[in-house]
């Protein structure tokens, strides 16, 4: 699943190709979701690798937890790992 696969490309004022804004659907709770307590040093890409075997899917965990602007987690923070990511 490529993050920008369905994001339109447009031309800016200088003639450069740029991506339009990407909007992701909400990720509903699922009975199979996993909840963890973050430990010191945990990062979204590490959790994505452990859960999905792909570090590029860190944004799925960020979206599910409404995390913006950071990939490092605070110790003790409760993080939801979505189980079913096929519809995203």
C-alpha atoms as a PDB file:
ATOM      1  CA  UNK A   1       0.000   0.000   0.000  1.00  0.00           C
ATOM      2  CA  UNK A   2       1.709   3.157  -1.174  1.00  0.00           C
ATOM      3  CA  UNK A   3       0.936   6.254   0.833  1.00  0.00           C
ATOM      4  CA  UNK A   4       0.577   8.615  -2.136  1.00  0.00           C
ATOM      5  CA  UNK A   5      -0.833   6.170  -4.703  1.00  0.00           C
ATOM      6  CA  UNK A   6      -4.144   8.040  -5.039  1.00  0.00           C
ATOM      7  CA  UNK A   7      -2.894  11.569  -4.366  1.00  0.00           C
ATOM      8  CA  UNK A   8      -3.312  13.833  -7.395  1.00  0.00           C
ATOM      9  CA  UNK A   9      -0.253  15.588  -8.780  1.00  0.00           C
ATOM     10  CA  UNK A  10      -0.547  19.232  -9.781  1.00  0.00           C
ATOM     11  CA  UNK A  11       1.742  21.908 -11.217  1.00  0.00           C
ATOM     12  CA  UNK A  12       2.681  24.815  -8.962  1.00  0.00           C
ATOM     13  CA  UNK A  13       3.306  28.433 -10.041  1.00  0.00           C
ATOM     14  CA  UNK A  14       6.934  27.737 -10.892  1.00  0.00           C
ATOM     15  CA  UNK A  15       6.031  24.790 -13.138  1.00  0.00           C
ATOM     16  CA  UNK A  16       7.146  22.105 -10.664  1.00  0.00           C
ATOM     17  CA  UNK A  17       5.123  18.940 -10.139  1.00  0.00           C
ATOM     18  CA  UNK A  18       3.844  18.689  -6.559  1.00  0.00           C
ATOM     19  CA  UNK A  19       1.423  16.445  -4.708  1.00  0.00           C
ATOM     20  CA  UNK A  20      -1.981  17.796  -3.740  1.00  0.00           C
ATOM     21  CA  UNK A  21      -3.129  17.414  -0.148  1.00  0.00           C
ATOM     22  CA  UNK A  22      -3.666  13.795   0.825  1.00  0.00           C
ATOM     23  CA  UNK A  23      -6.726  13.027   2.927  1.00  0.00           C
ATOM     24  CA  UNK A  24      -6.975   9.675   4.657  1.00  0.00           C
ATOM     25  CA  UNK A  25     -10.223   8.062   5.784  1.00  0.00           C
ATOM     26  CA  UNK A  26     -10.844   7.626   9.498  1.00  0.00           C
ATOM     27  CA  UNK A  27      -9.641   4.316  10.873  1.00  0.00           C
ATOM     28  CA  UNK A  28     -12.526   2.791  12.866  1.00  0.00           C
ATOM     29  CA  UNK A  29     -11.983   0.693  15.963  1.00  0.00           C
ATOM     30  CA  UNK A  30     -11.833  -3.021  15.299  1.00  0.00           C
ATOM     31  CA  UNK A  31     -12.041  -5.959  17.707  1.00  0.00           C
ATOM     32  CA  UNK A  32      -8.654  -7.141  16.426  1.00  0.00           C
ATOM     33  CA  UNK A  33      -6.844  -3.866  17.178  1.00  0.00           C
ATOM     34  CA  UNK A  34      -3.912  -4.060  19.568  1.00  0.00           C
ATOM     35  CA  UNK A  35      -3.303  -1.509  22.318  1.00  0.00           C
ATOM     36  CA  UNK A  36       0.177  -1.091  23.754  1.00  0.00           C
ATOM     37  CA  UNK A  37       1.926   1.130  26.253  1.00  0.00           C
ATOM     38  CA  UNK A  38       4.824   2.863  24.544  1.00  0.00           C
ATOM     39  CA  UNK A  39       8.244   2.354  26.058  1.00  0.00           C
ATOM     40  CA  UNK A  40      11.144   4.770  26.099  1.00  0.00           C
ATOM     41  CA  UNK A  41      12.624   4.918  22.605  1.00  0.00           C
ATOM     42  CA  UNK A  42       9.534   3.623  20.779  1.00  0.00           C
ATOM     43  CA  UNK A  43       8.911   5.209  17.379  1.00  0.00           C
ATOM     44  CA  UNK A  44       6.044   4.839  14.947  1.00  0.00           C
ATOM     45  CA  UNK A  45       8.176   3.278  12.226  1.00  0.00           C
ATOM     46  CA  UNK A  46       9.462   0.628  14.653  1.00  0.00           C
ATOM     47  CA  UNK A  47       5.917  -0.266  15.706  1.00  0.00           C
ATOM     48  CA  UNK A  48       4.863  -0.402  12.046  1.00  0.00           C
ATOM     49  CA  UNK A  49       7.691  -2.828  11.298  1.00  0.00           C
ATOM     50  CA  UNK A  50       6.774  -5.050  14.254  1.00  0.00           C
ATOM     51  CA  UNK A  51       3.071  -4.997  13.349  1.00  0.00           C
ATOM     52  CA  UNK A  52       3.020  -4.891   9.544  1.00  0.00           C
ATOM     53  CA  UNK A  53       6.586  -5.816   8.606  1.00  0.00           C
ATOM     54  CA  UNK A  54       6.832  -2.463   6.779  1.00  0.00           C
ATOM     55  CA  UNK A  55       8.263   0.750   8.256  1.00  0.00           C
ATOM     56  CA  UNK A  56       6.531   2.843   5.567  1.00  0.00           C
ATOM     57  CA  UNK A  57       3.157   2.184   7.233  1.00  0.00           C
ATOM     58  CA  UNK A  58       3.988   4.330  10.269  1.00  0.00           C
ATOM     59  CA  UNK A  59       1.379   6.846   9.115  1.00  0.00           C
ATOM     60  CA  UNK A  60      -1.425   4.290   9.672  1.00  0.00           C
ATOM     61  CA  UNK A  61      -0.596   4.167  13.381  1.00  0.00           C
ATOM     62  CA  UNK A  62      -0.213   7.958  13.485  1.00  0.00           C
ATOM     63  CA  UNK A  63      -3.636   8.461  11.864  1.00  0.00           C
ATOM     64  CA  UNK A  64      -5.313   5.922  14.168  1.00  0.00           C
ATOM     65  CA  UNK A  65      -3.949   7.753  17.218  1.00  0.00           C
ATOM     66  CA  UNK A  66      -4.362  11.335  15.933  1.00  0.00           C
ATOM     67  CA  UNK A  67      -0.606  11.942  16.212  1.00  0.00           C
ATOM     68  CA  UNK A  68       0.640  14.866  14.153  1.00  0.00           C
ATOM     69  CA  UNK A  69       4.131  16.234  13.758  1.00  0.00           C
ATOM     70  CA  UNK A  70       6.048  13.548  15.624  1.00  0.00           C
ATOM     71  CA  UNK A  71       7.133   9.974  15.212  1.00  0.00           C
ATOM     72  CA  UNK A  72       8.719   9.471  18.640  1.00  0.00           C
ATOM     73  CA  UNK A  73       6.393   8.316  21.411  1.00  0.00           C
ATOM     74  CA  UNK A  74       6.302   9.157  25.090  1.00  0.00           C
ATOM     75  CA  UNK A  75       6.859   6.362  27.604  1.00  0.00           C
ATOM     76  CA  UNK A  76       3.518   5.172  28.965  1.00  0.00           C
ATOM     77  CA  UNK A  77       1.489   6.569  26.060  1.00  0.00           C
ATOM     78  CA  UNK A  78      -1.318   4.209  25.000  1.00  0.00           C
ATOM     79  CA  UNK A  79      -1.084   3.460  21.275  1.00  0.00           C
ATOM     80  CA  UNK A  80      -3.645   1.660  19.120  1.00  0.00           C
ATOM     81  CA  UNK A  81      -2.288  -0.573  16.359  1.00  0.00           C
ATOM     82  CA  UNK A  82      -5.063  -1.139  13.784  1.00  0.00           C
ATOM     83  CA  UNK A  83      -5.471  -4.781  12.834  1.00  0.00           C
ATOM     84  CA  UNK A  84      -7.261  -4.490   9.488  1.00  0.00           C
ATOM     85  CA  UNK A  85      -5.554  -1.959   7.232  1.00  0.00           C
ATOM     86  CA  UNK A  86      -6.774  -3.328   3.913  1.00  0.00           C
ATOM     87  CA  UNK A  87      -9.521  -0.701   3.526  1.00  0.00           C
ATOM     88  CA  UNK A  88      -7.288   2.291   4.188  1.00  0.00           C
END
